[in-house]
């Protein structure tokens, strides 16, 4: 999970990923940022994020993103 946290902190230095648990619902990440983030996650973790995972619930927090990554590996 640390690699994901580093990726997010580098890409979005102004967001506190340790405390923010509703990134999508609170408008912290919008759809364009999520599409970009999906590409970065795919490249970093050598996975393919399938359509079933392109849902807000998988991008609400670092933990939910990590859960998705683990399921796809």
N, C-alpha and C. Protein backbone atom coordinates (compact mmCIF):
# COMPACT_ATOMS: atom_id res chain seq x y z
N UNK A 1 0.82 -1.19 0.00
CA UNK A 1 0.00 0.00 0.00
C UNK A 1 0.86 1.26 0.00
N UNK A 2 2.08 1.12 0.50
CA UNK A 2 2.96 2.29 0.57
C UNK A 2 3.29 2.83 -0.82
N UNK A 3 3.44 1.94 -1.80
CA UNK A 3 3.72 2.38 -3.17
C UNK A 3 2.53 3.18 -3.72
N UNK A 4 1.32 2.76 -3.43
CA UNK A 4 0.13 3.50 -3.84
C UNK A 4 0.09 4.86 -3.15
N UNK A 5 0.34 4.88 -1.87
CA UNK A 5 0.33 6.13 -1.11
C UNK A 5 1.36 7.11 -1.67
N UNK A 6 2.54 6.60 -2.02
CA UNK A 6 3.58 7.46 -2.61
C UNK A 6 3.14 8.02 -3.95
N UNK A 7 2.52 7.17 -4.78
CA UNK A 7 2.01 7.61 -6.08
C UNK A 7 0.99 8.72 -5.91
N UNK A 8 0.05 8.53 -5.00
CA UNK A 8 -0.99 9.53 -4.77
C UNK A 8 -0.42 10.83 -4.21
N UNK A 9 0.50 10.73 -3.27
CA UNK A 9 1.09 11.93 -2.69
C UNK A 9 1.91 12.71 -3.70
N UNK A 10 2.55 12.01 -4.62
CA UNK A 10 3.32 12.68 -5.67
C UNK A 10 2.39 13.36 -6.67
N UNK A 11 1.33 12.68 -7.04
CA UNK A 11 0.40 13.20 -8.05
C UNK A 11 -0.50 14.31 -7.49
N UNK A 12 -0.88 14.19 -6.23
CA UNK A 12 -1.79 15.15 -5.60
C UNK A 12 -1.23 15.58 -4.24
N UNK A 13 -0.18 16.40 -4.23
CA UNK A 13 0.46 16.75 -2.95
C UNK A 13 -0.42 17.54 -1.99
N UNK A 14 -1.48 18.15 -2.46
CA UNK A 14 -2.34 18.94 -1.60
C UNK A 14 -3.43 18.16 -0.89
N UNK A 15 -3.53 16.87 -1.15
CA UNK A 15 -4.59 16.05 -0.56
C UNK A 15 -4.01 15.20 0.57
N UNK A 16 -4.70 15.19 1.70
CA UNK A 16 -4.29 14.37 2.83
C UNK A 16 -4.97 13.00 2.72
N UNK A 17 -4.28 12.07 2.11
CA UNK A 17 -4.85 10.74 1.87
C UNK A 17 -4.96 9.91 3.13
N UNK A 18 -4.29 10.33 4.19
CA UNK A 18 -4.39 9.60 5.46
C UNK A 18 -5.74 9.81 6.13
N UNK A 19 -6.32 10.99 5.95
CA UNK A 19 -7.57 11.29 6.63
C UNK A 19 -8.79 11.34 5.71
N UNK A 20 -8.59 11.61 4.44
CA UNK A 20 -9.72 11.74 3.51
C UNK A 20 -10.23 10.36 3.12
N UNK A 21 -11.48 10.08 3.43
CA UNK A 21 -12.08 8.77 3.17
C UNK A 21 -13.24 8.83 2.17
N UNK A 22 -13.52 10.03 1.65
CA UNK A 22 -14.59 10.19 0.67
C UNK A 22 -14.11 11.09 -0.47
N UNK A 23 -13.05 10.65 -1.13
CA UNK A 23 -12.41 11.45 -2.17
C UNK A 23 -13.37 11.81 -3.31
N UNK A 24 -14.19 10.87 -3.70
CA UNK A 24 -15.12 11.11 -4.80
C UNK A 24 -16.35 11.86 -4.31
N UNK A 25 -16.95 11.37 -3.24
CA UNK A 25 -18.17 12.00 -2.72
C UNK A 25 -17.96 13.45 -2.32
N UNK A 26 -16.78 13.79 -1.82
CA UNK A 26 -16.49 15.16 -1.41
C UNK A 26 -15.93 16.03 -2.54
N UNK A 27 -15.83 15.46 -3.74
CA UNK A 27 -15.36 16.22 -4.89
C UNK A 27 -13.87 16.48 -4.90
N UNK A 28 -13.13 15.74 -4.10
CA UNK A 28 -11.67 15.90 -4.06
C UNK A 28 -11.06 15.38 -5.36
N UNK A 29 -11.57 14.25 -5.84
CA UNK A 29 -11.17 13.70 -7.13
C UNK A 29 -12.37 13.74 -8.07
N UNK A 30 -12.15 14.28 -9.28
CA UNK A 30 -13.24 14.29 -10.26
C UNK A 30 -13.00 13.18 -11.29
N UNK A 31 -13.90 13.06 -12.24
CA UNK A 31 -13.83 11.94 -13.19
C UNK A 31 -12.57 11.99 -14.06
N UNK A 32 -12.13 13.16 -14.43
CA UNK A 32 -10.91 13.28 -15.25
C UNK A 32 -9.70 12.83 -14.45
N UNK A 33 -9.63 13.21 -13.19
CA UNK A 33 -8.52 12.79 -12.34
C UNK A 33 -8.54 11.28 -12.10
N UNK A 34 -9.72 10.72 -11.98
CA UNK A 34 -9.83 9.28 -11.77
C UNK A 34 -9.34 8.52 -13.01
N UNK A 35 -9.69 9.00 -14.19
CA UNK A 35 -9.22 8.35 -15.42
C UNK A 35 -7.69 8.40 -15.48
N UNK A 36 -7.11 9.52 -15.14
CA UNK A 36 -5.66 9.65 -15.12
C UNK A 36 -5.05 8.74 -14.05
N UNK A 37 -5.68 8.69 -12.92
CA UNK A 37 -5.22 7.84 -11.82
C UNK A 37 -5.29 6.36 -12.19
N UNK A 38 -6.32 5.96 -12.88
CA UNK A 38 -6.44 4.57 -13.34
C UNK A 38 -5.24 4.20 -14.20
N UNK A 39 -4.88 5.08 -15.11
CA UNK A 39 -3.73 4.83 -15.98
C UNK A 39 -2.45 4.68 -15.16
N UNK A 40 -2.26 5.55 -14.18
CA UNK A 40 -1.07 5.48 -13.32
C UNK A 40 -1.05 4.19 -12.51
N UNK A 41 -2.20 3.80 -11.98
CA UNK A 41 -2.30 2.57 -11.20
C UNK A 41 -2.00 1.35 -12.08
N UNK A 42 -2.54 1.35 -13.29
CA UNK A 42 -2.28 0.24 -14.21
C UNK A 42 -0.79 0.11 -14.52
N UNK A 43 -0.15 1.24 -14.78
CA UNK A 43 1.28 1.23 -15.10
C UNK A 43 2.12 0.83 -13.90
N UNK A 44 1.82 1.37 -12.75
CA UNK A 44 2.61 1.13 -11.55
C UNK A 44 2.50 -0.30 -11.06
N UNK A 45 1.30 -0.85 -11.11
CA UNK A 45 1.07 -2.18 -10.53
C UNK A 45 0.91 -3.28 -11.58
N UNK A 46 1.09 -2.91 -12.85
CA UNK A 46 1.01 -3.87 -13.95
C UNK A 46 -0.30 -4.66 -13.90
N UNK A 47 -1.39 -3.93 -13.83
CA UNK A 47 -2.73 -4.54 -13.82
C UNK A 47 -3.59 -3.82 -14.85
N UNK A 48 -4.75 -4.37 -15.11
CA UNK A 48 -5.75 -3.72 -15.94
C UNK A 48 -6.98 -3.50 -15.08
N UNK A 49 -7.39 -2.25 -14.97
CA UNK A 49 -8.59 -1.92 -14.20
C UNK A 49 -9.77 -2.12 -15.14
N UNK A 50 -10.53 -3.17 -14.90
CA UNK A 50 -11.67 -3.50 -15.75
C UNK A 50 -12.87 -2.62 -15.43
N UNK A 51 -13.82 -2.62 -16.33
CA UNK A 51 -15.00 -1.75 -16.20
C UNK A 51 -15.73 -1.93 -14.88
N UNK A 52 -15.78 -3.14 -14.37
CA UNK A 52 -16.51 -3.37 -13.11
C UNK A 52 -15.88 -2.62 -11.94
N UNK A 53 -14.61 -2.22 -12.07
CA UNK A 53 -13.93 -1.49 -10.99
C UNK A 53 -13.93 0.03 -11.20
N UNK A 54 -14.45 0.47 -12.31
CA UNK A 54 -14.50 1.91 -12.56
C UNK A 54 -15.81 2.44 -11.97
N UNK A 55 -15.79 2.49 -10.64
CA UNK A 55 -16.93 2.95 -9.85
C UNK A 55 -16.38 3.81 -8.72
N UNK A 56 -17.15 4.80 -8.30
CA UNK A 56 -16.68 5.68 -7.23
C UNK A 56 -16.23 4.96 -5.97
N UNK A 57 -16.88 3.86 -5.61
CA UNK A 57 -16.54 3.19 -4.35
C UNK A 57 -15.10 2.70 -4.31
N UNK A 58 -14.49 2.46 -5.46
CA UNK A 58 -13.11 1.99 -5.49
C UNK A 58 -12.09 3.12 -5.43
N UNK A 59 -12.56 4.37 -5.44
CA UNK A 59 -11.65 5.52 -5.44
C UNK A 59 -11.94 6.49 -4.30
N UNK A 60 -12.67 6.05 -3.29
CA UNK A 60 -13.02 6.90 -2.16
C UNK A 60 -11.85 7.15 -1.22
N UNK A 61 -10.92 6.19 -1.14
CA UNK A 61 -9.81 6.31 -0.19
C UNK A 61 -8.64 5.46 -0.67
N UNK A 62 -7.51 5.66 -0.02
CA UNK A 62 -6.34 4.83 -0.32
C UNK A 62 -6.67 3.37 -0.08
N UNK A 63 -7.38 3.12 0.99
CA UNK A 63 -7.72 1.74 1.34
C UNK A 63 -8.61 1.08 0.28
N UNK A 64 -9.58 1.80 -0.23
CA UNK A 64 -10.46 1.21 -1.24
C UNK A 64 -9.72 1.00 -2.56
N UNK A 65 -8.80 1.91 -2.89
CA UNK A 65 -7.99 1.72 -4.09
C UNK A 65 -7.08 0.51 -3.93
N UNK A 66 -6.49 0.36 -2.74
CA UNK A 66 -5.60 -0.77 -2.49
C UNK A 66 -6.36 -2.09 -2.56
N UNK A 67 -7.57 -2.10 -2.04
CA UNK A 67 -8.40 -3.30 -2.10
C UNK A 67 -8.64 -3.69 -3.56
N UNK A 68 -8.93 -2.70 -4.40
CA UNK A 68 -9.13 -2.96 -5.82
C UNK A 68 -7.86 -3.52 -6.46
N UNK A 69 -6.73 -2.92 -6.16
CA UNK A 69 -5.46 -3.37 -6.72
C UNK A 69 -5.18 -4.82 -6.31
N UNK A 70 -5.39 -5.13 -5.06
CA UNK A 70 -5.17 -6.51 -4.61
C UNK A 70 -6.08 -7.50 -5.31
N UNK A 71 -7.32 -7.11 -5.54
CA UNK A 71 -8.26 -8.00 -6.24
C UNK A 71 -7.83 -8.21 -7.70
N UNK A 72 -7.21 -7.22 -8.29
CA UNK A 72 -6.83 -7.30 -9.71
C UNK A 72 -5.46 -7.93 -9.94
N UNK A 73 -4.70 -8.10 -8.90
CA UNK A 73 -3.36 -8.69 -9.09
C UNK A 73 -3.43 -10.20 -9.15
